[in-house]
Structure formats: C-alpha cells, structure tokens
Amino acid sequence: MAFGKKKADAAVAEGTVAEATTLEQKEKLGANQKIGALAASIVAATATGYVPNYINLYYTELMGVAIGTIGAIIMITKLLDGVSDIIMGMIIDRTHTKWGKAKPWLLAGAAGLAISMMLLFGCPPSWGMGGKIAFATLFYILANPIFGTMVAVSANTLPNLISGNSDHRATIGVFKGLGAMIPLLLIGIVVPKLLEVMGESQATYTTATGIFAALAIVCAIIAFLLIRETVSERAEAVLGQEKQPVGESLKNLFTNKYFLWLVGGTILYNLTGAPVATYYAKYIFHNVGVATYINLPGIVMVLLLPLALPIVKKFGKRQCMVVGLAGAAIGHIIIFFANDNLGMFMIGKTLASVLSVPYFVALIPLMGEVCDYALYKSGKPMDGTISSANSMGEKIGVGLIAGVSSLMMQVAGFQSNTTGAEIAQPDSALFMIRFLMGIFPAALFLLAAFCFWHVNMDRENITEIQKELKEKGMR
C-alpha cells in the first residue's frame, strides 16, 4: 500500500548506518521500559479492580443501601464508559508533549483517581438514604468513567508506544500482566483479611482505600519517570503531528472488524469477574476470611506468566487465548458443582486461573497488531484509540458485571444489612451467588473465545505489514 508520504520515503532513502544503529538501540527493550510498563499496569488495575470489587460490599453491608440500587448506579454509569474510553483514546492520539502522548494522562489520572476513591469509600454514615445514593453516584462517576478512564486508556496505550516489535510487545504483555496481578492479589487476599481482622468498619475501608490510593500515585510516578515512548517519537519524526479528523477516526475505528471483535472479546472476558467472592466466602463457606483462599490461585497466575511467553510464541497468540479461555470455562463449571466443598472449589478455581494466563500474555501483542493494521490502512497512528478496546473492555466488563450481578442478587432475594454479622440468606440468593461464580462466567469465557478466534491478523499478512511500516520509519 502506498501511503503517499514523501517525508517517509525520503527518510528511508537517506538512511545511513548511523541511523540504523540508533534505531537498533531504540528497539532494545530495557529494564526501565519493562518496570515502567509493570508500574503503569498497577495503576490501571487499581482503577478497574478495587472500586468495582468493593463498592457493593461497602454500600450494602456498611451503609445499608439496597444492592439493587448500587447495581443500578453502576449500570447507568456504564453508558458513559464506552464513550469516555474512545474519547480518551482520541485525546491521547492528539497529544504531543515533551513527555510523550500517554504518560501525562497516566499521571494526572492517578492523582484524580486516588482522591475520588478516598471520597467514594468515605460516605458520611449519618446521611439519609437519598444523600448516600447521590454521594455514591457522584464519586463513582469520578473514580470510574473519568479518572479511571484516564489511567486505564493511558496504561493500555503505552505498550504500543514503547515498541513496535511484536516479540517486545509480548514481553511487555508479561510485565503488564504481572502488574495487573499485584492489585488483584491485594484485592483478593489482603482486603478480605483486613475485613476479617479489623471487621467490616469504616476504618477498615479507609485503610484499604488509602493503600490503593498511595499505590496508584507512586506507580504512576515510577511509570512516568521510566517509560520512553520511542514509537511515538519515531512516528512523529516521519509523519509529523498532523491530526486525523474526528469523523475520519471514528469511521476507521468502526469499520475495523478486528477492533470490534477485540472489544467484544475483552468485554466478555471481564464480565466473567462478578464481585461475589466475598459474598461466597461469607454465605456459602460461612467465613468472610475464606475469600483469601478463594483468591490464592491468582498467585499461580503471576508465577506462570513468564512461562507462558514461549508457549504463546510457538503456538500463536490467538490460538493460545482461545484454548485457554475454553479450558477456563471448564474450571468454572467445576466451581458451580463444588458448592460448599472448598477442596473441589479450589481445583476448579486453580484450573480456571492457570488456563487464563495466555490471555494476559497474548492480548497486548495482538492488540498491537490491530494498531499496526489500522496505521497501515489509514496512514495515521491510532494507538490510543485502538488501545481503548482493552480499557473499554476492562471498565465496561468489570463495571457492568458489578451492576448486573447486584441486580441479579437483588432479584434472587439477597438481603443487605449493616450489622457486619452473617444473616440467613434465602436459598435463591445462595444459588445466585453460586451461579455467578460458576455457570455464568463459564458461558462468558466461551463467548470471549469465539470473539478472539475472529481476530485473525495472519489473514492480513501482519508480519509483512509490520515490516513495511518499520522500513518506512512509521514504527
């Protein structure tokens, strides 16, 4: 394909040995880039993990708000998420600073996220029910569709701005996966223990939220200082800073079938994580602290991420994702039939966690290939806009399932309470908790696998496309 870029052709034609050496140096993936990507991922996972996982528990068990009401708040704000993620991606594509395109937004978003989280989990208990609902709505919008969007889209764009090399992107995917697991382990292991030891009190939530707020700010600073956006530097040197019209960007985005399948797959994957583990521990195993053990298989995922890299490289990104997600579905079917058998439950949970590892390793390079394809077709970088698929999937999926699961539990007769003690839930509510941990995610894993099967970049000769982009100095 001819891009019609005289500047690009001249850059290739006048290439010298010295320039080639400089390019090769830039292509090396240094430890600073890996650690920076890990730190950025921690910020994003804090945004998409802590708030959706504990907003239900905080407002139902401590503030006495009906679980269906919280679910409705989350569901309504999801209308903002899809729009805000694409807008944020387009803003990043149009940002040009000496620090880069995405890094400034990561830092600003982390500060806003920290403040809004502290406020969200600091609702005045003396307020009436209407005041509590308004309070939750306002600060959830700030923490999720606004500042959560800033950090999530920025963090998901950075891997494609660090390197245009597919193998490097896969390595970055490992570090990004490691970074994402750190907040998730804290969410699943440390917070339940705090609730068990300190009790379900305001002090406990203030302590837990303060940990995540500090983590977000510190890691955003680390990522800002360590990451260098070498791809955007190189592309701007060749393409300049010409901005693609918004209408053209949207047309290119929504006519890109691979982007649409990618969005569908990431949303469905993140819909599998209904935030009911703590409810399961409290009402099925009758001990809220058991949530710590339920989430222990997440540690296995962290340890296996580097080992999955050669497997993904050998068998292919798309293929490994599809097989792994289908296997994860089997693990959740085992969880459903385990009921209150902790041993059987842990077998299913471990199987599902291990087989989900290829998703975390392969998603970043697969998304990078979609970004390269979009650049090849349009001649304009769309890294931020395309990368919004990941953050959109995370935020819409995690937030939507938090809302949907809340409404489903409300319909099933789940009873909110402010005593902190376990109450007798009806059998219908207990069955719904099991369903949301078992059959529901199993079905969604299979649907996600179906979507990712259609992100077949080999069909477009992506290797040749990437080679041409590199030769033209556009990657």
Protein backbone atom coordinates (compact mmCIF):
# COMPACT_ATOMS: atom_id res chain seq x y z
CA MET A 1 0.00 0.00 0.00
CA ALA A 2 1.33 3.45 -0.91
CA PHE A 3 0.99 5.97 1.87
CA GLY A 4 1.86 8.96 -0.31
CA LYS A 5 4.20 10.28 2.32
CA LYS A 6 7.19 11.93 0.65
CA LYS A 7 8.75 12.55 4.01
CA ALA A 8 8.59 8.84 4.84
CA ASP A 9 10.12 7.83 1.51
CA ALA A 10 12.92 10.34 1.93
CA ALA A 11 13.66 9.08 5.42
CA VAL A 12 14.03 5.53 4.10
CA ALA A 13 16.05 6.52 1.04
CA GLU A 14 18.52 8.61 3.03
CA GLY A 15 19.00 6.09 5.82
CA THR A 16 22.57 5.72 6.99
CA VAL A 17 24.44 3.13 9.04
CA ALA A 18 24.48 5.51 11.97
CA GLU A 19 20.70 5.92 11.82
CA ALA A 20 20.26 2.13 11.60
CA THR A 21 22.41 1.70 14.69
CA THR A 22 20.36 4.28 16.57
CA LEU A 23 17.14 2.52 15.54
CA GLU A 24 18.52 -0.83 16.71
CA GLN A 25 19.38 0.71 20.07
CA LYS A 26 15.87 2.06 20.38
CA GLU A 27 14.48 -1.38 19.55
CA LYS A 28 16.17 -2.91 22.59
CA LEU A 29 13.69 -3.36 25.39
CA GLY A 30 15.41 -2.09 28.52
CA ALA A 31 14.63 -2.92 32.13
CA ASN A 32 13.32 0.62 32.65
CA GLN A 33 10.67 0.08 29.98
CA LYS A 34 9.60 -3.25 31.47
CA ILE A 35 9.39 -1.92 35.02
CA GLY A 36 7.62 1.19 33.78
CA ALA A 37 5.02 -0.92 31.93
CA LEU A 38 4.52 -3.01 35.08
CA ALA A 39 4.00 0.13 37.18
CA ALA A 40 1.53 1.61 34.67
CA SER A 41 -0.43 -1.63 34.72
CA ILE A 42 -0.67 -1.49 38.52
CA VAL A 43 -2.32 1.94 38.25
CA ALA A 44 -4.81 0.69 35.64
CA ALA A 45 -5.65 -2.47 37.61
CA THR A 46 -6.25 -0.38 40.73
CA ALA A 47 -8.78 1.70 38.80
CA THR A 48 -10.59 -1.24 37.24
CA GLY A 49 -10.28 -3.62 40.20
CA TYR A 50 -10.69 -2.15 43.66
CA VAL A 51 -13.70 0.10 43.15
CA PRO A 52 -15.96 -2.38 41.27
CA ASN A 53 -15.00 -5.23 43.62
CA TYR A 54 -15.80 -3.46 46.88
CA ILE A 55 -18.34 -0.73 46.16
CA ASN A 56 -21.17 -3.29 46.52
CA LEU A 57 -19.92 -4.68 49.82
CA TYR A 58 -19.20 -1.24 51.29
CA TYR A 59 -22.56 0.32 50.48
CA THR A 60 -24.73 -2.74 51.18
CA GLU A 61 -23.05 -4.08 54.30
CA LEU A 62 -21.89 -0.80 55.88
CA MET A 63 -24.20 1.91 54.53
CA GLY A 64 -27.34 -0.20 54.25
CA VAL A 65 -28.06 0.73 50.63
CA ALA A 66 -30.07 -1.89 48.71
CA ILE A 67 -27.84 -3.98 46.47
CA GLY A 68 -30.15 -3.34 43.53
CA THR A 69 -29.71 0.42 43.95
CA ILE A 70 -25.92 0.15 43.82
CA GLY A 71 -26.28 -2.12 40.81
CA ALA A 72 -28.43 0.50 39.07
CA ILE A 73 -25.84 3.23 39.76
CA ILE A 74 -23.09 1.11 38.24
CA MET A 75 -25.23 0.12 35.26
CA ILE A 76 -26.19 3.73 34.45
CA THR A 77 -22.59 4.94 34.58
CA LYS A 78 -21.61 2.20 32.10
CA LEU A 79 -23.34 4.31 29.46
CA LEU A 80 -20.53 6.81 29.94
CA ASP A 81 -17.70 4.28 29.80
CA GLY A 82 -17.80 3.23 26.17
CA VAL A 83 -17.90 6.87 25.03
CA SER A 84 -15.30 8.11 27.52
CA ASP A 85 -12.78 5.41 26.60
CA ILE A 86 -12.91 6.17 22.87
CA ILE A 87 -12.74 9.91 23.55
CA MET A 88 -9.73 9.40 25.82
CA GLY A 89 -8.03 7.29 23.18
CA MET A 90 -8.55 10.01 20.58
CA ILE A 91 -7.22 12.63 23.01
CA ILE A 92 -4.06 10.58 23.53
CA ASP A 93 -3.59 10.24 19.76
CA ARG A 94 -3.76 14.03 19.50
CA THR A 95 -1.50 14.78 22.48
CA HIS A 96 2.04 15.99 21.75
CA THR A 97 4.26 16.88 24.73
CA LYS A 98 7.94 16.54 25.53
CA TRP A 99 6.98 13.73 27.94
CA GLY A 100 5.02 11.80 25.31
CA LYS A 101 1.39 11.15 24.43
CA ALA A 102 0.09 8.86 27.16
CA LYS A 103 2.35 9.40 30.18
CA PRO A 104 0.99 12.85 31.18
CA TRP A 105 -2.55 11.49 31.26
CA LEU A 106 -1.50 8.49 33.37
CA LEU A 107 0.00 10.79 36.00
CA ALA A 108 -2.93 13.22 36.07
CA GLY A 109 -5.46 10.40 36.14
CA ALA A 110 -3.74 8.64 39.05
CA ALA A 111 -3.97 11.77 41.22
CA GLY A 112 -7.66 12.20 40.47
CA LEU A 113 -8.31 8.50 40.99
CA ALA A 114 -6.67 8.48 44.42
CA ILE A 115 -8.75 11.42 45.65
CA SER A 116 -12.06 10.19 44.22
CA MET A 117 -11.56 6.67 45.65
CA MET A 118 -10.93 8.02 49.14
CA LEU A 119 -14.12 10.07 48.91
CA LEU A 120 -16.19 7.21 47.43
CA PHE A 121 -15.31 4.94 50.37
CA GLY A 122 -15.80 7.72 52.91
CA CYS A 123 -19.57 8.18 52.71
CA PRO A 124 -20.97 10.02 55.78
CA PRO A 125 -22.92 7.32 57.69
CA SER A 126 -25.26 9.89 59.25
CA TRP A 127 -26.65 10.98 55.89
CA GLY A 128 -30.07 9.84 54.79
CA MET A 129 -30.51 7.18 52.12
CA GLY A 130 -31.00 9.76 49.35
CA GLY A 131 -27.80 11.52 50.32
CA LYS A 132 -25.83 8.27 50.40
CA ILE A 133 -27.09 7.31 46.93
CA ALA A 134 -26.20 10.74 45.50
CA PHE A 135 -22.78 10.57 47.17
CA ALA A 136 -22.07 7.12 45.72
CA THR A 137 -23.20 8.17 42.24
CA LEU A 138 -21.06 11.32 42.11
CA PHE A 139 -17.81 9.81 43.30
CA TYR A 140 -18.26 6.56 41.37
CA ILE A 141 -18.51 8.62 38.17
CA LEU A 142 -15.31 10.46 39.11
CA ALA A 143 -13.44 7.30 40.11
CA ASN A 144 -14.51 5.18 37.14
CA PRO A 145 -15.71 6.84 33.90
CA ILE A 146 -13.49 9.92 34.35
CA PHE A 147 -10.21 9.35 36.21
CA GLY A 148 -10.41 5.58 35.82
CA THR A 149 -10.67 6.10 32.08
CA MET A 150 -7.60 8.36 32.04
CA VAL A 151 -5.35 5.82 33.69
CA ALA A 152 -6.78 2.72 32.00
CA VAL A 153 -6.58 4.01 28.42
CA SER A 154 -3.14 5.56 29.02
CA ALA A 155 -1.72 2.38 30.55
CA ASN A 156 -3.14 0.22 27.77
CA THR A 157 -1.76 2.54 25.07
CA LEU A 158 1.78 2.70 26.46
CA PRO A 159 2.90 -0.83 25.42
CA ASN A 160 2.26 0.04 21.78
CA LEU A 161 4.18 3.32 22.17
CA ILE A 162 7.16 1.65 23.85
CA SER A 163 7.98 -0.71 20.98
CA GLY A 164 6.70 -1.71 17.56
CA ASN A 165 8.37 -5.13 17.82
CA SER A 166 5.83 -7.94 18.25
CA ASP A 167 8.13 -10.03 20.49
CA HIS A 168 8.83 -6.99 22.66
CA ARG A 169 5.11 -6.36 22.95
CA ALA A 170 4.64 -9.94 24.12
CA THR A 171 7.32 -9.40 26.78
CA ILE A 172 5.65 -6.15 27.80
CA GLY A 173 2.41 -8.14 27.98
CA VAL A 174 4.02 -10.39 30.60
CA PHE A 175 5.11 -7.41 32.70
CA LYS A 176 1.73 -5.76 32.22
CA GLY A 177 0.09 -8.99 33.38
CA LEU A 178 2.38 -9.10 36.42
CA GLY A 179 1.49 -5.52 37.22
CA ALA A 180 -2.24 -6.21 36.90
CA MET A 181 -1.97 -9.18 39.25
CA ILE A 182 -0.44 -7.15 42.10
CA PRO A 183 -3.57 -5.06 42.84
CA LEU A 184 -5.77 -8.09 42.18
CA LEU A 185 -3.89 -10.11 44.78
CA LEU A 186 -4.20 -7.26 47.27
CA ILE A 187 -7.91 -7.00 46.44
CA GLY A 188 -8.50 -10.73 46.75
CA ILE A 189 -6.16 -11.66 49.60
CA VAL A 190 -5.22 -8.65 51.75
CA VAL A 191 -8.56 -6.81 51.82
CA PRO A 192 -10.61 -9.86 52.92
CA LYS A 193 -8.11 -10.45 55.74
CA LEU A 194 -8.44 -6.82 56.80
CA LEU A 195 -12.22 -7.22 56.87
CA GLU A 196 -11.85 -10.40 58.93
CA VAL A 197 -9.33 -8.99 61.42
CA MET A 198 -10.47 -5.34 61.68
CA GLY A 199 -14.14 -6.01 61.00
CA GLU A 200 -16.40 -4.52 58.34
CA SER A 201 -15.98 -0.95 59.56
CA GLN A 202 -15.30 2.49 58.11
CA ALA A 203 -11.76 2.36 59.49
CA THR A 204 -11.09 -0.85 57.56
CA TYR A 205 -12.28 0.62 54.28
CA THR A 206 -10.37 3.85 54.86
CA THR A 207 -7.19 1.83 55.46
CA ALA A 208 -7.71 -0.40 52.41
CA THR A 209 -8.59 2.51 50.12
CA GLY A 210 -5.61 4.52 51.37
CA ILE A 211 -3.30 1.63 50.41
CA PHE A 212 -4.66 1.56 46.84
CA ALA A 213 -4.67 5.36 46.51
CA ALA A 214 -1.00 5.56 47.54
CA LEU A 215 -0.15 2.62 45.26
CA ALA A 216 -1.73 4.36 42.26
CA ILE A 217 0.17 7.62 42.77
CA VAL A 218 3.56 6.03 43.46
CA CYS A 219 3.32 3.66 40.50
CA ALA A 220 2.18 6.44 38.14
CA ILE A 221 5.26 8.47 39.09
CA ILE A 222 7.52 5.45 38.52
CA ALA A 223 5.97 4.79 35.09
CA PHE A 224 6.26 8.47 34.14
CA LEU A 225 9.95 8.55 35.01
CA LEU A 226 10.97 5.20 33.49
CA ILE A 227 8.97 4.82 30.28
CA ARG A 228 10.14 6.29 26.99
CA GLU A 229 7.59 6.38 24.15
CA THR A 230 10.05 5.51 21.39
CA VAL A 231 7.39 4.52 18.84
CA SER A 232 5.55 7.85 19.04
CA GLU A 233 8.88 9.71 18.86
CA ARG A 234 9.84 7.84 15.69
CA ALA A 235 6.41 8.13 14.06
CA GLU A 236 6.16 11.86 14.72
CA ALA A 237 9.61 12.36 13.21
CA VAL A 238 8.31 10.77 9.99
CA LEU A 239 4.61 11.67 9.94
CA GLY A 240 4.75 14.97 11.79
CA GLN A 241 1.95 15.97 14.17
CA GLU A 242 -0.90 16.07 11.66
CA LYS A 243 -4.17 15.24 13.39
CA GLN A 244 -6.69 12.87 11.87
CA PRO A 245 -10.20 14.42 11.75
CA VAL A 246 -12.53 13.02 14.40
CA GLY A 247 -15.06 11.81 11.84
CA GLU A 248 -12.36 10.00 9.90
CA SER A 249 -11.01 8.42 13.10
CA LEU A 250 -14.44 7.11 14.06
CA LYS A 251 -15.06 5.78 10.56
CA ASN A 252 -11.71 3.97 10.51
CA LEU A 253 -12.36 2.63 14.01
CA PHE A 254 -15.82 1.20 13.48
CA THR A 255 -15.09 -0.23 10.05
CA ASN A 256 -12.13 -2.15 11.51
CA LYS A 257 -13.65 -5.57 12.18
CA TYR A 258 -10.65 -6.66 14.22
CA PHE A 259 -11.15 -3.77 16.63
CA LEU A 260 -14.81 -4.71 17.06
CA TRP A 261 -14.02 -8.38 17.75
CA LEU A 262 -11.27 -7.26 20.16
CA VAL A 263 -13.69 -5.04 22.07
CA GLY A 264 -16.26 -7.83 22.23
CA GLY A 265 -13.72 -10.34 23.50
CA THR A 266 -12.28 -8.10 26.21
CA ILE A 267 -15.74 -7.06 27.44
CA LEU A 268 -16.89 -10.68 27.64
CA TYR A 269 -13.68 -11.75 29.40
CA ASN A 270 -14.07 -9.05 32.04
CA LEU A 271 -17.75 -9.86 32.50
CA THR A 272 -16.60 -13.18 34.00
CA GLY A 273 -15.38 -11.47 37.17
CA ALA A 274 -18.58 -10.98 39.15
CA PRO A 275 -17.52 -9.44 42.52
CA VAL A 276 -19.15 -12.13 44.63
CA ALA A 277 -16.11 -13.95 46.08
CA THR A 278 -16.52 -12.24 49.45
CA TYR A 279 -20.26 -13.00 49.47
CA TYR A 280 -19.44 -16.61 48.54
CA ALA A 281 -16.99 -16.86 51.45
CA LYS A 282 -19.40 -15.23 53.88
CA TYR A 283 -22.62 -17.04 52.98
CA ILE A 284 -21.53 -20.35 51.38
CA PHE A 285 -18.39 -21.09 53.43
CA HIS A 286 -19.65 -19.02 56.40
CA ASN A 287 -16.34 -17.20 56.92
CA VAL A 288 -15.51 -13.94 55.09
CA GLY A 289 -11.80 -14.67 55.57
CA VAL A 290 -12.05 -17.69 53.25
CA ALA A 291 -12.14 -15.16 50.39
CA THR A 292 -8.38 -15.00 50.86
CA TYR A 293 -8.04 -18.70 49.95
CA ILE A 294 -10.53 -18.36 47.09
CA ASN A 295 -8.25 -15.77 45.50
CA LEU A 296 -4.96 -17.60 46.11
CA PRO A 297 -4.87 -19.14 42.60
CA GLY A 298 -4.14 -15.62 41.39
CA ILE A 299 -0.62 -16.13 42.74
CA VAL A 300 -0.27 -19.13 40.43
CA MET A 301 -1.18 -16.89 37.50
CA VAL A 302 1.59 -14.44 38.40
CA LEU A 303 4.21 -17.19 38.57
CA LEU A 304 3.13 -18.70 35.24
CA LEU A 305 3.06 -15.50 33.18
CA PRO A 306 6.76 -15.64 32.11
CA LEU A 307 6.48 -19.39 31.39
CA ALA A 308 3.56 -18.78 29.04
CA LEU A 309 5.60 -16.47 26.80
CA PRO A 310 7.40 -19.21 24.77
CA ILE A 311 4.15 -21.22 24.53
CA VAL A 312 2.29 -18.24 23.06
CA LYS A 313 5.17 -17.55 20.69
CA LYS A 314 5.24 -21.18 19.48
CA PHE A 315 1.54 -21.88 19.08
CA GLY A 316 0.25 -18.39 18.29
CA LYS A 317 -1.45 -15.63 20.25
CA ARG A 318 -4.98 -16.17 19.05
CA GLN A 319 -4.85 -19.96 19.31
CA CYS A 320 -3.50 -19.95 22.88
CA MET A 321 -6.11 -17.43 24.01
CA VAL A 322 -8.99 -19.44 22.56
CA VAL A 323 -7.87 -22.79 24.01
CA GLY A 324 -7.08 -21.24 27.39
CA LEU A 325 -10.45 -19.48 27.70
CA ALA A 326 -12.32 -22.66 26.76
CA GLY A 327 -10.39 -24.51 29.49
CA ALA A 328 -11.18 -21.74 32.00
CA ALA A 329 -14.87 -22.34 31.28
CA ILE A 330 -14.47 -25.97 32.42
CA GLY A 331 -12.84 -24.76 35.64
CA HIS A 332 -15.86 -22.59 36.47
CA ILE A 333 -18.29 -25.43 35.80
CA ILE A 334 -16.36 -27.39 38.46
CA ILE A 335 -16.73 -24.40 40.81
CA PHE A 336 -20.51 -24.41 40.39
CA PHE A 337 -20.85 -28.07 41.30
CA ALA A 338 -18.39 -27.71 44.20
CA ASN A 339 -20.96 -25.74 46.24
CA ASP A 340 -19.50 -25.65 49.81
CA ASN A 341 -16.74 -28.20 49.12
CA LEU A 342 -13.68 -25.98 49.45
CA GLY A 343 -11.26 -28.57 48.02
CA MET A 344 -13.27 -29.10 44.86
CA PHE A 345 -13.84 -25.34 44.59
CA MET A 346 -10.09 -24.69 44.71
CA ILE A 347 -9.43 -27.28 41.98
CA GLY A 348 -11.85 -25.51 39.67
CA LYS A 349 -10.54 -22.08 40.59
CA THR A 350 -6.91 -23.10 40.05
CA LEU A 351 -7.71 -24.67 36.68
CA ALA A 352 -9.56 -21.55 35.53
CA SER A 353 -6.76 -19.25 36.71
CA VAL A 354 -3.94 -21.24 35.10
CA LEU A 355 -5.71 -21.52 31.76
CA SER A 356 -6.45 -17.77 31.72
CA VAL A 357 -2.72 -16.95 31.67
CA PRO A 358 -2.38 -16.89 27.83
CA TYR A 359 -4.99 -14.15 27.70
CA PHE A 360 -2.79 -11.77 29.70
CA VAL A 361 0.36 -12.63 27.74
CA ALA A 362 -1.14 -12.53 24.24
CA LEU A 363 -3.58 -9.62 24.47
CA ILE A 364 -1.01 -6.80 24.24
CA PRO A 365 0.84 -8.05 21.12
CA LEU A 366 -2.48 -8.99 19.48
CA MET A 367 -3.82 -5.51 20.14
CA GLY A 368 -0.52 -4.10 18.83
CA GLU A 369 -1.07 -5.96 15.57
CA VAL A 370 -4.52 -4.38 15.27
CA CYS A 371 -2.89 -0.97 15.84
CA ASP A 372 -0.32 -1.69 13.12
CA TYR A 373 -3.06 -2.80 10.74
CA ALA A 374 -5.01 0.42 11.39
CA LEU A 375 -1.88 2.52 10.75
CA TYR A 376 -1.21 0.60 7.53
CA LYS A 377 -4.77 1.11 6.27
CA SER A 378 -5.18 4.79 7.25
CA GLY A 379 -1.62 6.15 7.30
CA LYS A 380 -2.38 7.75 10.69
CA PRO A 381 -1.41 6.44 14.15
CA MET A 382 -4.46 5.25 16.10
CA ASP A 383 -2.65 3.58 19.01
CA GLY A 384 -4.61 5.38 21.70
CA THR A 385 -7.97 4.90 20.03
CA ILE A 386 -7.40 1.21 19.23
CA SER A 387 -5.92 0.57 22.69
CA SER A 388 -9.12 1.92 24.20
CA ALA A 389 -10.53 -1.51 23.29
CA ASN A 390 -8.65 -3.01 26.25
CA SER A 391 -9.58 -0.35 28.79
CA MET A 392 -13.12 -0.24 27.43
CA GLY A 393 -13.37 -3.98 27.85
CA GLU A 394 -11.97 -3.86 31.38
CA LYS A 395 -14.08 -0.95 32.60
CA ILE A 396 -17.32 -1.84 30.85
CA GLY A 397 -16.93 -5.53 31.63
CA VAL A 398 -15.88 -5.20 35.29
CA GLY A 399 -18.30 -2.36 35.98
CA LEU A 400 -21.20 -3.91 34.09
CA ILE A 401 -20.86 -7.25 35.84
CA ALA A 402 -20.75 -5.46 39.19
CA GLY A 403 -24.06 -3.83 38.30
CA VAL A 404 -25.65 -6.86 36.64
CA SER A 405 -24.65 -9.21 39.45
CA SER A 406 -26.04 -6.80 42.02
CA LEU A 407 -29.39 -6.66 40.24
CA MET A 408 -29.45 -10.44 39.81
CA MET A 409 -28.78 -10.93 43.52
CA GLN A 410 -31.48 -8.39 44.35
CA VAL A 411 -33.99 -10.30 42.21
CA ALA A 412 -32.87 -13.53 43.89
CA GLY A 413 -33.81 -12.07 47.28
CA PHE A 414 -30.39 -11.13 48.71
CA GLN A 415 -30.78 -9.18 51.97
CA SER A 416 -28.50 -6.20 52.71
CA ASN A 417 -27.59 -5.49 56.34
CA THR A 418 -25.43 -3.14 58.40
CA THR A 419 -24.71 -5.39 61.38
CA GLY A 420 -21.48 -6.85 59.98
CA ALA A 421 -22.69 -10.30 61.07
CA GLU A 422 -23.84 -13.08 58.78
CA ILE A 423 -27.58 -13.27 58.29
CA ALA A 424 -29.68 -16.09 56.86
CA GLN A 425 -29.97 -15.55 53.11
CA PRO A 426 -32.74 -17.33 51.18
CA ASP A 427 -31.82 -20.38 49.11
CA SER A 428 -32.49 -18.42 45.93
CA ALA A 429 -29.82 -15.86 46.87
CA LEU A 430 -27.30 -18.59 47.73
CA PHE A 431 -27.95 -20.29 44.39
CA MET A 432 -27.43 -16.97 42.58
CA ILE A 433 -24.06 -16.49 44.29
CA ARG A 434 -23.01 -19.97 43.11
CA PHE A 435 -24.35 -19.29 39.61
CA LEU A 436 -22.37 -16.04 39.35
CA MET A 437 -19.18 -17.84 40.41
CA GLY A 438 -19.73 -20.87 38.17
CA ILE A 439 -22.07 -21.23 35.18
CA PHE A 440 -22.30 -17.54 34.30
CA PRO A 441 -18.54 -16.95 33.84
CA ALA A 442 -18.16 -20.33 32.09
CA ALA A 443 -20.59 -19.24 29.35
CA LEU A 444 -18.86 -15.87 29.00
CA PHE A 445 -15.41 -17.45 28.68
CA LEU A 446 -16.69 -19.48 25.73
CA LEU A 447 -18.19 -16.40 24.07
CA ALA A 448 -14.94 -14.48 24.59
CA ALA A 449 -13.01 -17.33 22.95
CA PHE A 450 -15.36 -17.09 19.96
CA CYS A 451 -14.60 -13.37 19.60
CA PHE A 452 -10.82 -13.72 19.84
CA TRP A 453 -10.88 -16.52 17.26
CA HIS A 454 -12.01 -13.88 14.75
CA VAL A 455 -9.04 -11.55 15.47
CA ASN A 456 -7.05 -13.37 12.81
CA MET A 457 -4.27 -10.96 11.82
CA ASP A 458 -2.38 -13.68 9.92
CA ARG A 459 -5.10 -13.41 7.31
CA GLU A 460 -3.89 -9.85 6.63
CA ASN A 461 -0.20 -10.85 6.40
CA ILE A 462 0.52 -8.80 9.51
CA THR A 463 4.22 -9.75 9.50
CA GLU A 464 4.68 -8.13 6.08
CA ILE A 465 2.67 -5.11 7.17
CA GLN A 466 4.88 -4.61 10.24
CA LYS A 467 8.00 -5.00 8.10
CA GLU A 468 6.79 -2.32 5.68
CA LEU A 469 5.88 0.06 8.49
CA LYS A 470 9.32 -0.35 10.01
CA GLU A 471 11.03 0.22 6.66
CA LYS A 472 9.10 3.45 6.24
CA GLY A 473 10.10 4.56 9.77
CA MET A 474 6.48 4.57 10.94
CA ARG A 475 7.14 2.00 13.69
